[in-house]
Amino acid sequence: MQAYRKGQNGYNGREVGLETAEAILRLRALTSNGDFDEYWQYHLRKEHQRNHQTRYRKYRSDLGLAA
């Protein structure tokens, strides 16, 4: 079970690992810089590539469709 601790601002927060903390800080930076929308579109394109295009590439070529 994850450890819980009381934060400086008085509410209970969940303790997170280094990787999660770094990811949160990067997302906060993207938001404060106004770059989040551009990043999110990039993220969705990459996720689509990973989950769909690479998975079904073999089937598309079997059917004679362009990749």
Protein backbone atom coordinates (compact mmCIF):
# COMPACT_ATOMS: atom_id res chain seq x y z
CA MET A 1 0.00 0.00 0.00
CA GLN A 2 1.21 3.49 -0.84
CA ALA A 3 2.19 5.79 1.99
CA TYR A 4 0.04 8.83 2.71
CA ARG A 5 1.29 12.04 4.22
CA LYS A 6 -0.03 15.45 5.09
CA GLY A 7 1.22 18.15 2.73
CA GLN A 8 2.42 21.63 3.66
CA ASN A 9 -0.89 23.14 2.64
CA GLY A 10 -2.80 20.97 5.14
CA TYR A 11 -4.50 18.41 2.91
CA ASN A 12 -3.64 14.75 2.64
CA GLY A 13 -1.72 13.90 -0.49
CA ARG A 14 -0.53 10.64 -1.89
CA GLU A 15 3.19 10.10 -1.97
CA VAL A 16 4.39 9.50 -5.54
CA GLY A 17 7.55 8.15 -7.06
CA LEU A 18 10.20 10.14 -8.89
CA GLU A 19 8.94 9.25 -12.39
CA THR A 20 5.39 10.30 -11.54
CA ALA A 21 6.57 13.54 -9.94
CA GLU A 22 8.65 14.38 -13.04
CA ALA A 23 5.66 13.68 -15.31
CA ILE A 24 3.46 15.98 -13.21
CA LEU A 25 6.06 18.75 -13.34
CA ARG A 26 6.37 18.41 -17.13
CA LEU A 27 2.60 18.64 -17.56
CA ARG A 28 2.49 21.70 -15.30
CA ALA A 29 5.25 23.34 -17.35
CA LEU A 30 3.38 22.62 -20.60
CA THR A 31 0.24 24.16 -19.12
CA SER A 32 1.96 27.26 -17.77
CA ASN A 33 3.83 27.82 -21.06
CA GLY A 34 0.63 27.53 -23.08
CA ASP A 35 1.95 24.51 -24.99
CA PHE A 36 -0.38 21.87 -23.58
CA ASP A 37 -2.82 21.82 -26.53
CA GLU A 38 0.01 21.30 -29.04
CA TYR A 39 1.55 18.60 -26.84
CA TRP A 40 -1.81 16.85 -26.44
CA GLN A 41 -2.34 16.66 -30.21
CA TYR A 42 1.18 15.20 -30.55
CA HIS A 43 0.41 12.71 -27.76
CA LEU A 44 -2.83 11.58 -29.46
CA ARG A 45 -1.07 11.12 -32.83
CA LYS A 46 1.68 9.01 -31.22
CA GLU A 47 -0.84 6.96 -29.25
CA HIS A 48 -2.80 6.29 -32.45
CA GLN A 49 0.42 5.16 -34.17
CA ARG A 50 1.31 2.82 -31.30
CA ASN A 51 -2.15 1.35 -30.85
CA HIS A 52 -3.51 1.21 -34.38
CA GLN A 53 -1.17 1.87 -37.27
CA THR A 54 1.62 -0.48 -36.20
CA ARG A 55 -0.81 -3.18 -35.06
CA TYR A 56 -2.79 -3.28 -38.31
CA ARG A 57 0.02 -2.56 -40.80
CA LYS A 58 0.38 -6.27 -41.61
CA TYR A 59 -3.33 -6.64 -42.34
CA ARG A 60 -3.38 -3.55 -44.54
CA SER A 61 -0.53 -4.91 -46.67
CA ASP A 62 -2.28 -8.31 -46.88
CA LEU A 63 -5.29 -6.54 -48.32
CA GLY A 64 -3.17 -4.54 -50.76
CA LEU A 65 -3.91 -1.21 -49.05
CA ALA A 66 -1.35 1.55 -48.65
CA ALA A 67 0.33 1.76 -45.24
